[in-house]
């Protein structure tokens, strides 16, 4: 990624994001982002997702995945999903 000519604040933001992602990956066990496939039958689980702009019994799409301490571990942060 070429960030030359970018505002310093953008460069700092991207560098911080990359650092956080790297720390999540090297953590033992690694932090897990839940990127499950969504189809027309996927039910909206309010214990895992917050509603985005619409609510409904099914998930239309995931805006941001849920984050777990590790695979199969406790939920650190709910994801955000659009209901339908």
C-alpha atoms as a PDB file:
ATOM      1  CA  UNK A   1       0.000   0.000   0.000  1.00  0.00           C
ATOM      2  CA  UNK A   2       1.419   3.361  -1.006  1.00  0.00           C
ATOM      3  CA  UNK A   3       0.606   6.015   1.588  1.00  0.00           C
ATOM      4  CA  UNK A   4       3.039   8.630   0.315  1.00  0.00           C
ATOM      5  CA  UNK A   5       1.380  12.012   0.098  1.00  0.00           C
ATOM      6  CA  UNK A   6      -1.321  11.047   2.592  1.00  0.00           C
ATOM      7  CA  UNK A   7      -2.142  13.258   5.512  1.00  0.00           C
ATOM      8  CA  UNK A   8      -0.151  12.263   8.624  1.00  0.00           C
ATOM      9  CA  UNK A   9      -3.348  11.435  10.494  1.00  0.00           C
ATOM     10  CA  UNK A  10      -4.373   8.930   7.795  1.00  0.00           C
ATOM     11  CA  UNK A  11      -0.934   7.322   7.856  1.00  0.00           C
ATOM     12  CA  UNK A  12      -1.088   7.078  11.666  1.00  0.00           C
ATOM     13  CA  UNK A  13      -4.590   5.565  11.500  1.00  0.00           C
ATOM     14  CA  UNK A  14      -3.596   2.901   8.945  1.00  0.00           C
ATOM     15  CA  UNK A  15      -0.426   2.071  10.882  1.00  0.00           C
ATOM     16  CA  UNK A  16      -2.422   1.719  14.125  1.00  0.00           C
ATOM     17  CA  UNK A  17      -5.034  -0.508  12.433  1.00  0.00           C
ATOM     18  CA  UNK A  18      -2.309  -2.759  11.044  1.00  0.00           C
ATOM     19  CA  UNK A  19      -0.644  -2.951  14.455  1.00  0.00           C
ATOM     20  CA  UNK A  20      -3.911  -3.917  16.169  1.00  0.00           C
ATOM     21  CA  UNK A  21      -4.626  -6.608  13.549  1.00  0.00           C
ATOM     22  CA  UNK A  22      -1.114  -8.001  13.959  1.00  0.00           C
ATOM     23  CA  UNK A  23      -1.456  -8.106  17.768  1.00  0.00           C
ATOM     24  CA  UNK A  24      -4.806  -9.910  17.429  1.00  0.00           C
ATOM     25  CA  UNK A  25      -3.178 -12.479  15.134  1.00  0.00           C
ATOM     26  CA  UNK A  26      -0.097 -13.203  17.261  1.00  0.00           C
ATOM     27  CA  UNK A  27      -2.074 -13.326  20.527  1.00  0.00           C
ATOM     28  CA  UNK A  28      -2.095 -16.894  21.875  1.00  0.00           C
ATOM     29  CA  UNK A  29      -4.649 -18.117  21.072  1.00  0.00           C
ATOM     30  CA  UNK A  30      -5.453 -15.666  18.252  1.00  0.00           C
ATOM     31  CA  UNK A  31      -8.458 -13.364  18.550  1.00  0.00           C
ATOM     32  CA  UNK A  32     -11.230 -14.594  16.220  1.00  0.00           C
ATOM     33  CA  UNK A  33     -13.353 -12.473  13.871  1.00  0.00           C
ATOM     34  CA  UNK A  34     -16.493 -14.405  12.901  1.00  0.00           C
ATOM     35  CA  UNK A  35     -16.847 -14.346   9.096  1.00  0.00           C
ATOM     36  CA  UNK A  36     -19.659 -16.920   8.749  1.00  0.00           C
ATOM     37  CA  UNK A  37     -21.459 -17.188   5.433  1.00  0.00           C
ATOM     38  CA  UNK A  38     -24.859 -15.528   5.418  1.00  0.00           C
ATOM     39  CA  UNK A  39     -27.781 -16.786   3.330  1.00  0.00           C
ATOM     40  CA  UNK A  40     -31.528 -16.044   3.158  1.00  0.00           C
ATOM     41  CA  UNK A  41     -32.246 -18.393   6.077  1.00  0.00           C
ATOM     42  CA  UNK A  42     -29.676 -16.967   8.521  1.00  0.00           C
ATOM     43  CA  UNK A  43     -31.538 -15.886  11.645  1.00  0.00           C
ATOM     44  CA  UNK A  44     -30.624 -12.626  13.359  1.00  0.00           C
ATOM     45  CA  UNK A  45     -29.047 -13.488  16.726  1.00  0.00           C
ATOM     46  CA  UNK A  46     -29.242 -10.427  19.007  1.00  0.00           C
ATOM     47  CA  UNK A  47     -26.752 -11.989  21.415  1.00  0.00           C
ATOM     48  CA  UNK A  48     -24.094 -11.846  18.664  1.00  0.00           C
ATOM     49  CA  UNK A  49     -25.148  -8.869  16.499  1.00  0.00           C
ATOM     50  CA  UNK A  50     -26.385  -5.325  16.951  1.00  0.00           C
ATOM     51  CA  UNK A  51     -28.838  -4.032  14.337  1.00  0.00           C
ATOM     52  CA  UNK A  52     -27.428  -1.660  11.734  1.00  0.00           C
ATOM     53  CA  UNK A  53     -30.204   0.465  10.195  1.00  0.00           C
ATOM     54  CA  UNK A  54     -32.953  -2.154   9.870  1.00  0.00           C
ATOM     55  CA  UNK A  55     -34.150  -4.937  12.114  1.00  0.00           C
ATOM     56  CA  UNK A  56     -35.824  -8.183  11.175  1.00  0.00           C
ATOM     57  CA  UNK A  57     -35.793 -11.906  11.903  1.00  0.00           C
ATOM     58  CA  UNK A  58     -33.070 -12.651   9.322  1.00  0.00           C
ATOM     59  CA  UNK A  59     -29.637 -11.242   8.479  1.00  0.00           C
ATOM     60  CA  UNK A  60     -29.373  -9.419   5.150  1.00  0.00           C
ATOM     61  CA  UNK A  61     -25.628  -8.726   5.428  1.00  0.00           C
ATOM     62  CA  UNK A  62     -22.920  -8.293   8.051  1.00  0.00           C
ATOM     63  CA  UNK A  63     -21.477  -4.796   8.432  1.00  0.00           C
ATOM     64  CA  UNK A  64     -18.830  -5.814  10.990  1.00  0.00           C
ATOM     65  CA  UNK A  65     -18.137  -9.342  12.278  1.00  0.00           C
ATOM     66  CA  UNK A  66     -18.453 -10.431  15.886  1.00  0.00           C
ATOM     67  CA  UNK A  67     -15.124 -10.664  17.738  1.00  0.00           C
ATOM     68  CA  UNK A  68     -14.263 -13.517  20.108  1.00  0.00           C
ATOM     69  CA  UNK A  69     -11.376 -13.866  22.554  1.00  0.00           C
ATOM     70  CA  UNK A  70     -10.406 -16.991  20.599  1.00  0.00           C
ATOM     71  CA  UNK A  71     -12.104 -19.512  18.317  1.00  0.00           C
ATOM     72  CA  UNK A  72     -14.959 -20.997  20.352  1.00  0.00           C
ATOM     73  CA  UNK A  73     -14.216 -18.569  23.197  1.00  0.00           C
ATOM     74  CA  UNK A  74     -16.257 -15.808  24.829  1.00  0.00           C
ATOM     75  CA  UNK A  75     -17.629 -12.870  22.850  1.00  0.00           C
ATOM     76  CA  UNK A  76     -15.484  -9.721  23.126  1.00  0.00           C
ATOM     77  CA  UNK A  77     -17.613  -7.472  20.931  1.00  0.00           C
ATOM     78  CA  UNK A  78     -20.906  -7.914  19.124  1.00  0.00           C
ATOM     79  CA  UNK A  79     -20.901  -7.637  15.377  1.00  0.00           C
ATOM     80  CA  UNK A  80     -23.180  -5.313  13.424  1.00  0.00           C
ATOM     81  CA  UNK A  81     -25.644  -6.731  10.904  1.00  0.00           C
ATOM     82  CA  UNK A  82     -28.480  -5.478   8.732  1.00  0.00           C
ATOM     83  CA  UNK A  83     -31.768  -7.205   9.472  1.00  0.00           C
ATOM     84  CA  UNK A  84     -34.452  -8.060   6.947  1.00  0.00           C
END
